[in-house]
């Protein structure tokens, strides 16, 4: 799996957020533009995933009501890694960076801030 763009995506996300309706509107306009410039390109790739299963801990919690004792076995979640083949848009990371940058630029031009927040 390619993680080349992950640091840039994380930084862009932290800088801008995606909260306001105005930001989402600008992002939608930018997305329409950039999907034309960097169209999806799908490839089958091996990806690592994790599935979680409940595993008994060997402990139980018991409660007594009158003469009746009710015991429930305790469990914990355990991650089981596995590899699978998925269809991945290999252009998505580069396109997402451009879409977010476009939206931030449009918001800054229209609202004076990267989140498209209206002045109070």
C-alpha atoms as a PDB file:
ATOM      1  CA  UNK A   1       0.000   0.000   0.000  1.00  0.00           C
ATOM      2  CA  UNK A   2       1.379   3.421  -0.892  1.00  0.00           C
ATOM      3  CA  UNK A   3       1.530   5.835   2.026  1.00  0.00           C
ATOM      4  CA  UNK A   4       3.576   8.524   0.279  1.00  0.00           C
ATOM      5  CA  UNK A   5       0.874  11.192   0.577  1.00  0.00           C
ATOM      6  CA  UNK A   6      -0.327  10.300   4.073  1.00  0.00           C
ATOM      7  CA  UNK A   7       1.677  13.000   5.935  1.00  0.00           C
ATOM      8  CA  UNK A   8       0.451  15.672   3.522  1.00  0.00           C
ATOM      9  CA  UNK A   9      -3.166  14.556   3.829  1.00  0.00           C
ATOM     10  CA  UNK A  10      -2.962  14.517   7.618  1.00  0.00           C
ATOM     11  CA  UNK A  11      -1.429  18.000   7.693  1.00  0.00           C
ATOM     12  CA  UNK A  12      -4.001  19.393   5.267  1.00  0.00           C
ATOM     13  CA  UNK A  13      -6.841  17.847   7.253  1.00  0.00           C
ATOM     14  CA  UNK A  14      -5.563  19.262  10.544  1.00  0.00           C
ATOM     15  CA  UNK A  15      -5.062  22.699   9.056  1.00  0.00           C
ATOM     16  CA  UNK A  16      -8.457  23.084   7.470  1.00  0.00           C
ATOM     17  CA  UNK A  17     -10.994  20.737   9.003  1.00  0.00           C
ATOM     18  CA  UNK A  18     -14.124  20.124   6.977  1.00  0.00           C
ATOM     19  CA  UNK A  19     -16.830  21.629   9.145  1.00  0.00           C
ATOM     20  CA  UNK A  20     -18.714  24.475   7.560  1.00  0.00           C
ATOM     21  CA  UNK A  21     -21.317  24.063   4.819  1.00  0.00           C
ATOM     22  CA  UNK A  22     -19.491  26.786   2.885  1.00  0.00           C
ATOM     23  CA  UNK A  23     -16.256  24.758   2.986  1.00  0.00           C
ATOM     24  CA  UNK A  24     -18.057  21.642   1.784  1.00  0.00           C
ATOM     25  CA  UNK A  25     -19.600  23.642  -1.069  1.00  0.00           C
ATOM     26  CA  UNK A  26     -16.202  25.000  -2.156  1.00  0.00           C
ATOM     27  CA  UNK A  27     -14.706  21.523  -1.839  1.00  0.00           C
ATOM     28  CA  UNK A  28     -17.452  20.127  -4.062  1.00  0.00           C
ATOM     29  CA  UNK A  29     -16.673  22.682  -6.787  1.00  0.00           C
ATOM     30  CA  UNK A  30     -12.963  21.909  -6.530  1.00  0.00           C
ATOM     31  CA  UNK A  31     -13.621  18.177  -6.611  1.00  0.00           C
ATOM     32  CA  UNK A  32     -15.511  18.507  -9.901  1.00  0.00           C
ATOM     33  CA  UNK A  33     -12.537  20.375 -11.389  1.00  0.00           C
ATOM     34  CA  UNK A  34      -9.809  18.058 -10.097  1.00  0.00           C
ATOM     35  CA  UNK A  35     -11.530  14.791 -10.964  1.00  0.00           C
ATOM     36  CA  UNK A  36     -11.219  15.974 -14.581  1.00  0.00           C
ATOM     37  CA  UNK A  37      -7.549  16.935 -14.174  1.00  0.00           C
ATOM     38  CA  UNK A  38      -6.542  13.813 -12.217  1.00  0.00           C
ATOM     39  CA  UNK A  39      -9.087  11.130 -13.119  1.00  0.00           C
ATOM     40  CA  UNK A  40      -9.430   7.962 -11.053  1.00  0.00           C
ATOM     41  CA  UNK A  41      -7.084   5.131 -11.990  1.00  0.00           C
ATOM     42  CA  UNK A  42      -8.017   1.856 -10.384  1.00  0.00           C
ATOM     43  CA  UNK A  43      -5.564  -0.935  -9.664  1.00  0.00           C
ATOM     44  CA  UNK A  44      -5.796  -4.161  -7.717  1.00  0.00           C
ATOM     45  CA  UNK A  45      -3.385  -4.053  -4.774  1.00  0.00           C
ATOM     46  CA  UNK A  46      -2.535  -6.092  -1.725  1.00  0.00           C
ATOM     47  CA  UNK A  47      -3.586  -4.234   1.420  1.00  0.00           C
ATOM     48  CA  UNK A  48      -3.144  -5.015   5.088  1.00  0.00           C
ATOM     49  CA  UNK A  49      -6.289  -5.035   7.220  1.00  0.00           C
ATOM     50  CA  UNK A  50      -7.141  -6.004  10.784  1.00  0.00           C
ATOM     51  CA  UNK A  51     -10.267  -7.781  11.968  1.00  0.00           C
ATOM     52  CA  UNK A  52     -11.161  -8.021  15.627  1.00  0.00           C
ATOM     53  CA  UNK A  53     -12.432 -11.041  17.493  1.00  0.00           C
ATOM     54  CA  UNK A  54     -13.571 -11.455  21.076  1.00  0.00           C
ATOM     55  CA  UNK A  55     -11.277 -13.716  23.084  1.00  0.00           C
ATOM     56  CA  UNK A  56     -12.194 -15.042  26.560  1.00  0.00           C
ATOM     57  CA  UNK A  57      -9.944 -13.692  29.330  1.00  0.00           C
ATOM     58  CA  UNK A  58     -10.636 -16.594  31.689  1.00  0.00           C
ATOM     59  CA  UNK A  59     -12.374 -14.267  34.144  1.00  0.00           C
ATOM     60  CA  UNK A  60     -16.059 -13.897  34.783  1.00  0.00           C
ATOM     61  CA  UNK A  61     -18.258 -11.382  36.517  1.00  0.00           C
ATOM     62  CA  UNK A  62     -20.938 -12.848  38.744  1.00  0.00           C
ATOM     63  CA  UNK A  63     -23.990 -11.234  40.278  1.00  0.00           C
ATOM     64  CA  UNK A  64     -26.295 -12.801  42.812  1.00  0.00           C
ATOM     65  CA  UNK A  65     -29.984 -12.041  43.039  1.00  0.00           C
ATOM     66  CA  UNK A  66     -31.681 -13.917  45.846  1.00  0.00           C
ATOM     67  CA  UNK A  67     -30.660 -17.544  45.452  1.00  0.00           C
ATOM     68  CA  UNK A  68     -29.731 -17.170  41.753  1.00  0.00           C
ATOM     69  CA  UNK A  69     -26.148 -16.497  40.691  1.00  0.00           C
ATOM     70  CA  UNK A  70     -25.583 -15.225  37.153  1.00  0.00           C
ATOM     71  CA  UNK A  71     -22.020 -15.292  35.739  1.00  0.00           C
ATOM     72  CA  UNK A  72     -20.849 -13.674  32.503  1.00  0.00           C
ATOM     73  CA  UNK A  73     -17.479 -14.548  30.960  1.00  0.00           C
ATOM     74  CA  UNK A  74     -15.249 -11.544  30.278  1.00  0.00           C
ATOM     75  CA  UNK A  75     -13.692 -11.078  26.861  1.00  0.00           C
ATOM     76  CA  UNK A  76     -11.202  -8.760  25.230  1.00  0.00           C
ATOM     77  CA  UNK A  77     -10.838  -7.702  21.610  1.00  0.00           C
ATOM     78  CA  UNK A  78      -7.834  -9.075  19.779  1.00  0.00           C
ATOM     79  CA  UNK A  79      -6.725  -7.793  16.381  1.00  0.00           C
ATOM     80  CA  UNK A  80      -5.995 -10.383  13.723  1.00  0.00           C
ATOM     81  CA  UNK A  81      -4.030  -8.931  10.778  1.00  0.00           C
ATOM     82  CA  UNK A  82      -4.716 -10.233   7.294  1.00  0.00           C
ATOM     83  CA  UNK A  83      -3.845  -9.388   3.707  1.00  0.00           C
ATOM     84  CA  UNK A  84      -6.471  -8.944   1.034  1.00  0.00           C
ATOM     85  CA  UNK A  85      -6.667  -7.730  -2.549  1.00  0.00           C
ATOM     86  CA  UNK A  86      -8.670  -4.547  -3.084  1.00  0.00           C
ATOM     87  CA  UNK A  87      -9.342  -2.221  -5.965  1.00  0.00           C
ATOM     88  CA  UNK A  88      -7.689   1.100  -5.112  1.00  0.00           C
ATOM     89  CA  UNK A  89      -7.811   4.486  -6.840  1.00  0.00           C
ATOM     90  CA  UNK A  90      -4.070   5.169  -7.014  1.00  0.00           C
ATOM     91  CA  UNK A  91      -4.679   8.788  -8.064  1.00  0.00           C
ATOM     92  CA  UNK A  92      -6.888   9.569  -5.042  1.00  0.00           C
ATOM     93  CA  UNK A  93      -4.130  10.814  -2.683  1.00  0.00           C
ATOM     94  CA  UNK A  94      -2.705  13.297  -5.212  1.00  0.00           C
ATOM     95  CA  UNK A  95      -6.188  14.419  -6.259  1.00  0.00           C
ATOM     96  CA  UNK A  96      -7.343  14.877  -2.644  1.00  0.00           C
ATOM     97  CA  UNK A  97      -4.366  17.129  -1.889  1.00  0.00           C
ATOM     98  CA  UNK A  98      -5.238  19.333  -4.874  1.00  0.00           C
ATOM     99  CA  UNK A  99      -8.951  19.405  -3.982  1.00  0.00           C
ATOM    100  CA  UNK A 100      -8.244  20.465  -0.400  1.00  0.00           C
ATOM    101  CA  UNK A 101      -5.716  23.103  -1.512  1.00  0.00           C
ATOM    102  CA  UNK A 102      -8.222  24.456  -4.040  1.00  0.00           C
ATOM    103  CA  UNK A 103     -10.968  24.654  -1.384  1.00  0.00           C
ATOM    104  CA  UNK A 104      -8.648  26.368   1.111  1.00  0.00           C
ATOM    105  CA  UNK A 105      -7.613  28.893  -1.547  1.00  0.00           C
ATOM    106  CA  UNK A 106     -11.260  29.596  -2.495  1.00  0.00           C
ATOM    107  CA  UNK A 107     -12.302  29.954   1.153  1.00  0.00           C
ATOM    108  CA  UNK A 108      -9.412  32.275   1.908  1.00  0.00           C
ATOM    109  CA  UNK A 109     -10.304  34.430  -1.095  1.00  0.00           C
ATOM    110  CA  UNK A 110     -14.038  34.575  -0.259  1.00  0.00           C
ATOM    111  CA  UNK A 111     -14.075  34.498   3.542  1.00  0.00           C
ATOM    112  CA  UNK A 112     -10.565  35.510   4.576  1.00  0.00           C
ATOM    113  CA  UNK A 113      -9.882  32.157   6.276  1.00  0.00           C
ATOM    114  CA  UNK A 114      -9.194  28.568   5.154  1.00  0.00           C
ATOM    115  CA  UNK A 115     -12.318  27.118   6.828  1.00  0.00           C
ATOM    116  CA  UNK A 116     -14.877  29.349   5.061  1.00  0.00           C
ATOM    117  CA  UNK A 117     -16.091  30.639   8.427  1.00  0.00           C
ATOM    118  CA  UNK A 118     -18.212  33.752   8.244  1.00  0.00           C
ATOM    119  CA  UNK A 119     -16.980  36.681  10.343  1.00  0.00           C
ATOM    120  CA  UNK A 120     -18.930  37.121  13.551  1.00  0.00           C
END
